[in-house]
């Protein structure tokens, strides 16, 4: 198993989170406030500099007013489409 940071799969995840945030009309600072975290953490996630576990992904999706199950499934389909 490869480290996920800076991989193609990591980029897909980061781009998906950024897209959800933009669709929600939120800035990185808005998302950080919704999560009760510092702005830098959101920036590092979107840049692929910080890994996210399943619990954090769930919290991100909820803060973005997105359905965690649906978003996880979408991300997994994107991963699978790569054929890795």
PDB file of N, CA and C in Angstrom:
ATOM      1  N   UNK A   1       0.849  -1.180   0.000  1.00  0.00           N
ATOM      2  CA  UNK A   1       0.000   0.000   0.000  1.00  0.00           C
ATOM      3  C   UNK A   1       0.895   1.243   0.000  1.00  0.00           C
ATOM      4  N   UNK A   2       0.596   2.136  -0.909  1.00  0.00           N
ATOM      5  CA  UNK A   2       1.356   3.385  -0.999  1.00  0.00           C
ATOM      6  C   UNK A   2       0.822   4.404  -0.003  1.00  0.00           C
ATOM      7  N   UNK A   3       1.690   5.361   0.348  1.00  0.00           N
ATOM      8  CA  UNK A   3       1.214   6.491   1.138  1.00  0.00           C
ATOM      9  C   UNK A   3       0.288   7.309   0.258  1.00  0.00           C
ATOM     10  N   UNK A   4      -0.795   7.785   0.836  1.00  0.00           N
ATOM     11  CA  UNK A   4      -1.812   8.478   0.048  1.00  0.00           C
ATOM     12  C   UNK A   4      -1.459   9.930  -0.262  1.00  0.00           C
ATOM     13  N   UNK A   5      -0.595  10.542   0.524  1.00  0.00           N
ATOM     14  CA  UNK A   5      -0.276  11.949   0.308  1.00  0.00           C
ATOM     15  C   UNK A   5       0.444  12.105  -1.021  1.00  0.00           C
ATOM     16  N   UNK A   6      -0.018  13.047  -1.833  1.00  0.00           N
ATOM     17  CA  UNK A   6       0.551  13.399  -3.133  1.00  0.00           C
ATOM     18  C   UNK A   6       0.344  12.323  -4.198  1.00  0.00           C
ATOM     19  N   UNK A   7      -0.539  11.373  -3.984  1.00  0.00           N
ATOM     20  CA  UNK A   7      -0.851  10.389  -5.002  1.00  0.00           C
ATOM     21  C   UNK A   7      -2.005  10.904  -5.869  1.00  0.00           C
ATOM     22  N   UNK A   8      -2.250  10.213  -6.956  1.00  0.00           N
ATOM     23  CA  UNK A   8      -3.382  10.561  -7.805  1.00  0.00           C
ATOM     24  C   UNK A   8      -4.687  10.446  -7.029  1.00  0.00           C
ATOM     25  N   UNK A   9      -4.802   9.410  -6.213  1.00  0.00           N
ATOM     26  CA  UNK A   9      -6.017   9.244  -5.413  1.00  0.00           C
ATOM     27  C   UNK A   9      -6.191  10.390  -4.424  1.00  0.00           C
ATOM     28  N   UNK A  10      -5.101  10.828  -3.840  1.00  0.00           N
ATOM     29  CA  UNK A  10      -5.157  11.947  -2.911  1.00  0.00           C
ATOM     30  C   UNK A  10      -5.625  13.211  -3.629  1.00  0.00           C
ATOM     31  N   UNK A  11      -5.135  13.428  -4.831  1.00  0.00           N
ATOM     32  CA  UNK A  11      -5.537  14.604  -5.605  1.00  0.00           C
ATOM     33  C   UNK A  11      -7.035  14.563  -5.901  1.00  0.00           C
ATOM     34  N   UNK A  12      -7.543  13.379  -6.250  1.00  0.00           N
ATOM     35  CA  UNK A  12      -8.979  13.235  -6.498  1.00  0.00           C
ATOM     36  C   UNK A  12      -9.762  13.622  -5.250  1.00  0.00           C
ATOM     37  N   UNK A  13      -9.340  13.125  -4.084  1.00  0.00           N
ATOM     38  CA  UNK A  13     -10.030  13.443  -2.833  1.00  0.00           C
ATOM     39  C   UNK A  13      -9.983  14.949  -2.564  1.00  0.00           C
ATOM     40  N   UNK A  14      -8.807  15.533  -2.680  1.00  0.00           N
ATOM     41  CA  UNK A  14      -8.645  16.972  -2.401  1.00  0.00           C
ATOM     42  C   UNK A  14      -9.498  17.815  -3.343  1.00  0.00           C
ATOM     43  N   UNK A  15      -9.488  17.461  -4.620  1.00  0.00           N
ATOM     44  CA  UNK A  15     -10.290  18.201  -5.596  1.00  0.00           C
ATOM     45  C   UNK A  15     -11.781  18.072  -5.291  1.00  0.00           C
ATOM     46  N   UNK A  16     -12.193  16.901  -4.833  1.00  0.00           N
ATOM     47  CA  UNK A  16     -13.604  16.679  -4.498  1.00  0.00           C
ATOM     48  C   UNK A  16     -14.016  17.550  -3.306  1.00  0.00           C
ATOM     49  N   UNK A  17     -13.186  17.587  -2.299  1.00  0.00           N
ATOM     50  CA  UNK A  17     -13.482  18.426  -1.124  1.00  0.00           C
ATOM     51  C   UNK A  17     -13.551  19.900  -1.533  1.00  0.00           C
ATOM     52  N   UNK A  18     -12.591  20.340  -2.327  1.00  0.00           N
ATOM     53  CA  UNK A  18     -12.585  21.741  -2.780  1.00  0.00           C
ATOM     54  C   UNK A  18     -13.860  22.042  -3.566  1.00  0.00           C
ATOM     55  N   UNK A  19     -14.240  21.133  -4.454  1.00  0.00           N
ATOM     56  CA  UNK A  19     -15.440  21.320  -5.265  1.00  0.00           C
ATOM     57  C   UNK A  19     -16.694  21.409  -4.390  1.00  0.00           C
ATOM     58  N   UNK A  20     -16.806  20.524  -3.400  1.00  0.00           N
ATOM     59  CA  UNK A  20     -17.949  20.573  -2.481  1.00  0.00           C
ATOM     60  C   UNK A  20     -17.986  21.899  -1.726  1.00  0.00           C
ATOM     61  N   UNK A  21     -16.814  22.353  -1.284  1.00  0.00           N
ATOM     62  CA  UNK A  21     -16.748  23.620  -0.534  1.00  0.00           C
ATOM     63  C   UNK A  21     -17.207  24.774  -1.415  1.00  0.00           C
ATOM     64  N   UNK A  22     -16.720  24.803  -2.647  1.00  0.00           N
ATOM     65  CA  UNK A  22     -17.096  25.884  -3.555  1.00  0.00           C
ATOM     66  C   UNK A  22     -18.587  25.822  -3.885  1.00  0.00           C
ATOM     67  N   UNK A  23     -19.116  24.598  -4.098  1.00  0.00           N
ATOM     68  CA  UNK A  23     -20.539  24.434  -4.385  1.00  0.00           C
ATOM     69  C   UNK A  23     -21.387  24.892  -3.201  1.00  0.00           C
ATOM     70  N   UNK A  24     -20.866  24.714  -1.992  1.00  0.00           N
ATOM     71  CA  UNK A  24     -21.577  25.152  -0.785  1.00  0.00           C
ATOM     72  C   UNK A  24     -21.459  26.659  -0.571  1.00  0.00           C
ATOM     73  N   UNK A  25     -20.666  27.332  -1.408  1.00  0.00           N
ATOM     74  CA  UNK A  25     -20.485  28.780  -1.273  1.00  0.00           C
ATOM     75  C   UNK A  25     -19.659  29.164  -0.058  1.00  0.00           C
ATOM     76  N   UNK A  26     -18.771  28.254   0.352  1.00  0.00           N
ATOM     77  CA  UNK A  26     -17.954  28.487   1.545  1.00  0.00           C
ATOM     78  C   UNK A  26     -16.512  28.792   1.160  1.00  0.00           C
ATOM     79  N   UNK A  27     -15.884  29.639   1.956  1.00  0.00           N
ATOM     80  CA  UNK A  27     -14.449  29.838   1.844  1.00  0.00           C
ATOM     81  C   UNK A  27     -13.757  28.790   2.715  1.00  0.00           C
ATOM     82  N   UNK A  28     -12.454  28.701   2.586  1.00  0.00           N
ATOM     83  CA  UNK A  28     -11.712  27.811   3.477  1.00  0.00           C
ATOM     84  C   UNK A  28     -11.915  28.226   4.924  1.00  0.00           C
ATOM     85  N   UNK A  29     -11.954  29.516   5.171  1.00  0.00           N
ATOM     86  CA  UNK A  29     -12.169  30.010   6.539  1.00  0.00           C
ATOM     87  C   UNK A  29     -13.557  29.626   7.046  1.00  0.00           C
ATOM     88  N   UNK A  30     -14.566  29.735   6.188  1.00  0.00           N
ATOM     89  CA  UNK A  30     -15.928  29.335   6.583  1.00  0.00           C
ATOM     90  C   UNK A  30     -15.952  27.861   6.988  1.00  0.00           C
ATOM     91  N   UNK A  31     -15.307  27.020   6.188  1.00  0.00           N
ATOM     92  CA  UNK A  31     -15.289  25.597   6.483  1.00  0.00           C
ATOM     93  C   UNK A  31     -14.543  25.331   7.787  1.00  0.00           C
ATOM     94  N   UNK A  32     -13.436  26.024   7.974  1.00  0.00           N
ATOM     95  CA  UNK A  32     -12.670  25.855   9.214  1.00  0.00           C
ATOM     96  C   UNK A  32     -13.524  26.216  10.430  1.00  0.00           C
ATOM     97  N   UNK A  33     -14.271  27.303  10.337  1.00  0.00           N
ATOM     98  CA  UNK A  33     -15.148  27.706  11.442  1.00  0.00           C
ATOM     99  C   UNK A  33     -16.212  26.634  11.676  1.00  0.00           C
ATOM    100  N   UNK A  34     -16.806  26.113  10.608  1.00  0.00           N
ATOM    101  CA  UNK A  34     -17.834  25.076  10.735  1.00  0.00           C
ATOM    102  C   UNK A  34     -17.279  23.812  11.395  1.00  0.00           C
ATOM    103  N   UNK A  35     -16.004  23.551  11.167  1.00  0.00           N
ATOM    104  CA  UNK A  35     -15.352  22.379  11.752  1.00  0.00           C
ATOM    105  C   UNK A  35     -14.794  22.650  13.149  1.00  0.00           C
ATOM    106  N   UNK A  36     -14.707  23.939  13.504  1.00  0.00           N
ATOM    107  CA  UNK A  36     -14.094  24.298  14.778  1.00  0.00           C
ATOM    108  C   UNK A  36     -12.589  24.093  14.747  1.00  0.00           C
ATOM    109  N   UNK A  37     -12.000  24.293  13.579  1.00  0.00           N
ATOM    110  CA  UNK A  37     -10.565  24.077  13.377  1.00  0.00           C
ATOM    111  C   UNK A  37      -9.932  25.333  12.786  1.00  0.00           C
ATOM    112  N   UNK A  38      -8.624  25.315  12.638  1.00  0.00           N
ATOM    113  CA  UNK A  38      -7.909  26.455  12.084  1.00  0.00           C
ATOM    114  C   UNK A  38      -7.966  26.420  10.553  1.00  0.00           C
ATOM    115  N   UNK A  39      -7.913  27.604   9.976  1.00  0.00           N
ATOM    116  CA  UNK A  39      -7.984  27.743   8.516  1.00  0.00           C
ATOM    117  C   UNK A  39      -6.896  26.946   7.817  1.00  0.00           C
ATOM    118  N   UNK A  40      -5.715  26.937   8.399  1.00  0.00           N
ATOM    119  CA  UNK A  40      -4.582  26.244   7.783  1.00  0.00           C
ATOM    120  C   UNK A  40      -4.838  24.764   7.563  1.00  0.00           C
ATOM    121  N   UNK A  41      -5.628  24.153   8.433  1.00  0.00           N
ATOM    122  CA  UNK A  41      -5.918  22.727   8.277  1.00  0.00           C
ATOM    123  C   UNK A  41      -6.700  22.481   6.991  1.00  0.00           C
ATOM    124  N   UNK A  42      -7.685  23.316   6.719  1.00  0.00           N
ATOM    125  CA  UNK A  42      -8.481  23.167   5.496  1.00  0.00           C
ATOM    126  C   UNK A  42      -7.593  23.388   4.276  1.00  0.00           C
ATOM    127  N   UNK A  43      -6.752  24.391   4.322  1.00  0.00           N
ATOM    128  CA  UNK A  43      -5.843  24.655   3.203  1.00  0.00           C
ATOM    129  C   UNK A  43      -4.923  23.461   2.963  1.00  0.00           C
ATOM    130  N   UNK A  44      -4.379  22.885   4.024  1.00  0.00           N
ATOM    131  CA  UNK A  44      -3.479  21.729   3.877  1.00  0.00           C
ATOM    132  C   UNK A  44      -4.208  20.518   3.306  1.00  0.00           C
ATOM    133  N   UNK A  45      -5.459  20.334   3.694  1.00  0.00           N
ATOM    134  CA  UNK A  45      -6.240  19.235   3.133  1.00  0.00           C
ATOM    135  C   UNK A  45      -6.422  19.440   1.640  1.00  0.00           C
ATOM    136  N   UNK A  46      -6.838  20.625   1.250  1.00  0.00           N
ATOM    137  CA  UNK A  46      -7.091  20.896  -0.164  1.00  0.00           C
ATOM    138  C   UNK A  46      -5.822  20.867  -1.003  1.00  0.00           C
ATOM    139  N   UNK A  47      -4.693  21.152  -0.404  1.00  0.00           N
ATOM    140  CA  UNK A  47      -3.414  21.093  -1.126  1.00  0.00           C
ATOM    141  C   UNK A  47      -2.822  19.683  -1.137  1.00  0.00           C
ATOM    142  N   UNK A  48      -3.433  18.788  -0.393  1.00  0.00           N
ATOM    143  CA  UNK A  48      -2.929  17.423  -0.327  1.00  0.00           C
ATOM    144  C   UNK A  48      -1.761  17.263   0.616  1.00  0.00           C
ATOM    145  N   UNK A  49      -1.573  18.242   1.496  1.00  0.00           N
ATOM    146  CA  UNK A  49      -0.464  18.190   2.445  1.00  0.00           C
ATOM    147  C   UNK A  49      -0.850  17.528   3.760  1.00  0.00           C
ATOM    148  N   UNK A  50      -2.152  17.273   3.924  1.00  0.00           N
ATOM    149  CA  UNK A  50      -2.631  16.649   5.155  1.00  0.00           C
ATOM    150  C   UNK A  50      -3.594  15.529   4.806  1.00  0.00           C
ATOM    151  N   UNK A  51      -3.315  14.365   5.353  1.00  0.00           N
ATOM    152  CA  UNK A  51      -4.187  13.217   5.124  1.00  0.00           C
ATOM    153  C   UNK A  51      -5.437  13.343   5.989  1.00  0.00           C
ATOM    154  N   UNK A  52      -6.517  12.715   5.523  1.00  0.00           N
ATOM    155  CA  UNK A  52      -7.795  12.768   6.213  1.00  0.00           C
ATOM    156  C   UNK A  52      -8.254  11.337   6.461  1.00  0.00           C
ATOM    157  N   UNK A  53      -8.613  11.030   7.712  1.00  0.00           N
ATOM    158  CA  UNK A  53      -9.132   9.694   7.992  1.00  0.00           C
ATOM    159  C   UNK A  53     -10.648   9.687   7.759  1.00  0.00           C
ATOM    160  N   UNK A  54     -11.272   8.525   7.923  1.00  0.00           N
ATOM    161  CA  UNK A  54     -12.708   8.400   7.645  1.00  0.00           C
ATOM    162  C   UNK A  54     -13.564   9.266   8.564  1.00  0.00           C
ATOM    163  N   UNK A  55     -13.179   9.368   9.809  1.00  0.00           N
ATOM    164  CA  UNK A  55     -13.947  10.195  10.744  1.00  0.00           C
ATOM    165  C   UNK A  55     -13.885  11.653  10.305  1.00  0.00           C
ATOM    166  N   UNK A  56     -12.704  12.121   9.942  1.00  0.00           N
ATOM    167  CA  UNK A  56     -12.561  13.503   9.486  1.00  0.00           C
ATOM    168  C   UNK A  56     -13.308  13.730   8.172  1.00  0.00           C
ATOM    169  N   UNK A  57     -13.275  12.754   7.268  1.00  0.00           N
ATOM    170  CA  UNK A  57     -14.011  12.886   6.008  1.00  0.00           C
ATOM    171  C   UNK A  57     -15.502  13.030   6.304  1.00  0.00           C
ATOM    172  N   UNK A  58     -16.020  12.213   7.213  1.00  0.00           N
ATOM    173  CA  UNK A  58     -17.422  12.311   7.612  1.00  0.00           C
ATOM    174  C   UNK A  58     -17.730  13.715   8.130  1.00  0.00           C
ATOM    175  N   UNK A  59     -16.872  14.233   8.995  1.00  0.00           N
ATOM    176  CA  UNK A  59     -17.075  15.575   9.550  1.00  0.00           C
ATOM    177  C   UNK A  59     -16.993  16.653   8.471  1.00  0.00           C
ATOM    178  N   UNK A  60     -16.070  16.489   7.535  1.00  0.00           N
ATOM    179  CA  UNK A  60     -15.967  17.435   6.421  1.00  0.00           C
ATOM    180  C   UNK A  60     -17.264  17.449   5.615  1.00  0.00           C
ATOM    181  N   UNK A  61     -17.748  16.262   5.247  1.00  0.00           N
ATOM    182  CA  UNK A  61     -18.972  16.185   4.447  1.00  0.00           C
ATOM    183  C   UNK A  61     -20.151  16.823   5.185  1.00  0.00           C
ATOM    184  N   UNK A  62     -20.279  16.538   6.481  1.00  0.00           N
ATOM    185  CA  UNK A  62     -21.381  17.118   7.255  1.00  0.00           C
ATOM    186  C   UNK A  62     -21.260  18.645   7.319  1.00  0.00           C
ATOM    187  N   UNK A  63     -20.060  19.155   7.540  1.00  0.00           N
ATOM    188  CA  UNK A  63     -19.849  20.608   7.613  1.00  0.00           C
ATOM    189  C   UNK A  63     -20.151  21.270   6.269  1.00  0.00           C
ATOM    190  N   UNK A  64     -19.978  20.514   5.197  1.00  0.00           N
ATOM    191  CA  UNK A  64     -20.250  21.029   3.852  1.00  0.00           C
ATOM    192  C   UNK A  64     -21.707  20.810   3.440  1.00  0.00           C
ATOM    193  N   UNK A  65     -22.524  20.320   4.381  1.00  0.00           N
ATOM    194  CA  UNK A  65     -23.948  20.042   4.126  1.00  0.00           C
ATOM    195  C   UNK A  65     -24.121  19.037   2.990  1.00  0.00           C
ATOM    196  N   UNK A  66     -23.212  18.077   2.924  1.00  0.00           N
ATOM    197  CA  UNK A  66     -23.258  17.027   1.918  1.00  0.00           C
ATOM    198  C   UNK A  66     -23.563  15.693   2.598  1.00  0.00           C
ATOM    199  N   UNK A  67     -24.129  14.771   1.861  1.00  0.00           N
ATOM    200  CA  UNK A  67     -24.447  13.445   2.376  1.00  0.00           C
ATOM    201  C   UNK A  67     -23.172  12.604   2.410  1.00  0.00           C
ATOM    202  N   UNK A  68     -22.689  12.262   3.600  1.00  0.00           N
ATOM    203  CA  UNK A  68     -21.428  11.514   3.688  1.00  0.00           C
ATOM    204  C   UNK A  68     -21.410  10.212   2.896  1.00  0.00           C
ATOM    205  N   UNK A  69     -22.505   9.458   2.936  1.00  0.00           N
ATOM    206  CA  UNK A  69     -22.549   8.189   2.191  1.00  0.00           C
ATOM    207  C   UNK A  69     -22.446   8.424   0.698  1.00  0.00           C
ATOM    208  N   UNK A  70     -23.198   9.377   0.202  1.00  0.00           N
ATOM    209  CA  UNK A  70     -23.191   9.666  -1.231  1.00  0.00           C
ATOM    210  C   UNK A  70     -21.823  10.182  -1.681  1.00  0.00           C
ATOM    211  N   UNK A  71     -21.226  11.057  -0.891  1.00  0.00           N
ATOM    212  CA  UNK A  71     -19.931  11.623  -1.274  1.00  0.00           C
ATOM    213  C   UNK A  71     -18.834  10.564  -1.224  1.00  0.00           C
ATOM    214  N   UNK A  72     -18.868   9.703  -0.205  1.00  0.00           N
ATOM    215  CA  UNK A  72     -17.876   8.626  -0.127  1.00  0.00           C
ATOM    216  C   UNK A  72     -18.018   7.699  -1.328  1.00  0.00           C
ATOM    217  N   UNK A  73     -19.252   7.381  -1.704  1.00  0.00           N
ATOM    218  CA  UNK A  73     -19.486   6.517  -2.861  1.00  0.00           C
ATOM    219  C   UNK A  73     -18.981   7.182  -4.142  1.00  0.00           C
ATOM    220  N   UNK A  74     -19.219   8.472  -4.275  1.00  0.00           N
ATOM    221  CA  UNK A  74     -18.748   9.200  -5.456  1.00  0.00           C
ATOM    222  C   UNK A  74     -17.227   9.155  -5.545  1.00  0.00           C
ATOM    223  N   UNK A  75     -16.576   9.388  -4.424  1.00  0.00           N
ATOM    224  CA  UNK A  75     -15.113   9.359  -4.406  1.00  0.00           C
ATOM    225  C   UNK A  75     -14.605   7.962  -4.755  1.00  0.00           C
ATOM    226  N   UNK A  76     -15.231   6.941  -4.200  1.00  0.00           N
ATOM    227  CA  UNK A  76     -14.802   5.566  -4.492  1.00  0.00           C
ATOM    228  C   UNK A  76     -14.985   5.231  -5.970  1.00  0.00           C
ATOM    229  N   UNK A  77     -16.069   5.724  -6.580  1.00  0.00           N
ATOM    230  CA  UNK A  77     -16.255   5.506  -8.027  1.00  0.00           C
ATOM    231  C   UNK A  77     -15.148   6.185  -8.819  1.00  0.00           C
ATOM    232  N   UNK A  78     -14.765   7.389  -8.394  1.00  0.00           N
ATOM    233  CA  UNK A  78     -13.670   8.100  -9.071  1.00  0.00           C
ATOM    234  C   UNK A  78     -12.365   7.315  -8.930  1.00  0.00           C
ATOM    235  N   UNK A  79     -12.121   6.792  -7.746  1.00  0.00           N
ATOM    236  CA  UNK A  79     -10.918   5.976  -7.531  1.00  0.00           C
ATOM    237  C   UNK A  79     -10.938   4.748  -8.438  1.00  0.00           C
ATOM    238  N   UNK A  80     -12.072   4.065  -8.475  1.00  0.00           N
ATOM    239  CA  UNK A  80     -12.194   2.843  -9.258  1.00  0.00           C
ATOM    240  C   UNK A  80     -12.029   3.090 -10.752  1.00  0.00           C
ATOM    241  N   UNK A  81     -12.461   4.256 -11.194  1.00  0.00           N
ATOM    242  CA  UNK A  81     -12.362   4.604 -12.613  1.00  0.00           C
ATOM    243  C   UNK A  81     -10.902   4.647 -13.083  1.00  0.00           C
ATOM    244  N   UNK A  82      -9.984   4.839 -12.153  1.00  0.00           N
ATOM    245  CA  UNK A  82      -8.564   4.871 -12.514  1.00  0.00           C
ATOM    246  C   UNK A  82      -8.026   3.475 -12.811  1.00  0.00           C
ATOM    247  N   UNK A  83      -8.742   2.478 -12.349  1.00  0.00           N
ATOM    248  CA  UNK A  83      -8.310   1.106 -12.566  1.00  0.00           C
ATOM    249  C   UNK A  83      -7.145   0.698 -11.698  1.00  0.00           C
ATOM    250  N   UNK A  84      -6.980   1.379 -10.549  1.00  0.00           N
ATOM    251  CA  UNK A  84      -5.878   1.014  -9.654  1.00  0.00           C
ATOM    252  C   UNK A  84      -6.305  -0.007  -8.659  1.00  0.00           C
TER     253      UNK A  84
END
